[in-house]
Amino acid sequence: QVQLVESGGRIVEAGGSLRLSCAASGASGGTYNAYAMAWFRQPPGKEREFVGAMTWIGGSQYYHDSVKGRFTISRDKTKSTLYLQMNNLIREDTAVYYCAAQDLAKYYKGRYNRENEYDYWGQGTQVTVSS
């Protein structure tokens, strides 16, 4: 059973930067190569939305248009940790941010941005952008 724990959320001024972390554990054999990982977010009063995704083995990445050029997903295999680097933050980025994991096959079928295609979720971390 994969477990995900996000951290790093806080209040940040508009124009600033923030890096979120998602520590993964519980994968069979301690490797996450069979998974794709993603970040989603839920703004206040709105539905949860896709932010970006990548495979743990590396390669292609996908981002929502609203964060392209500002957000970057990466992972550190040695620490089993996924990151979301967020630059040039705007008020509209205020949300609870979640990391999630899905079977790699779903990712390659193009289902990387579908919330209901993810099997494992973290508890979320709050990011508030002040102006």
Foldseek 3Di string as FASTA:
>chain_A
DKAKAKDWADEAAAQAKTKIKIFIDDDVVLFQQQKKKFKWWDAPPGDIWGAKIAGPVDDDIDGDPVQPPFWDWDDDSVRNMIMIIGGRDDQVPWTWMKMFMAGPVCVVVVCGTPPVRTDYIYPTHTHGYHD
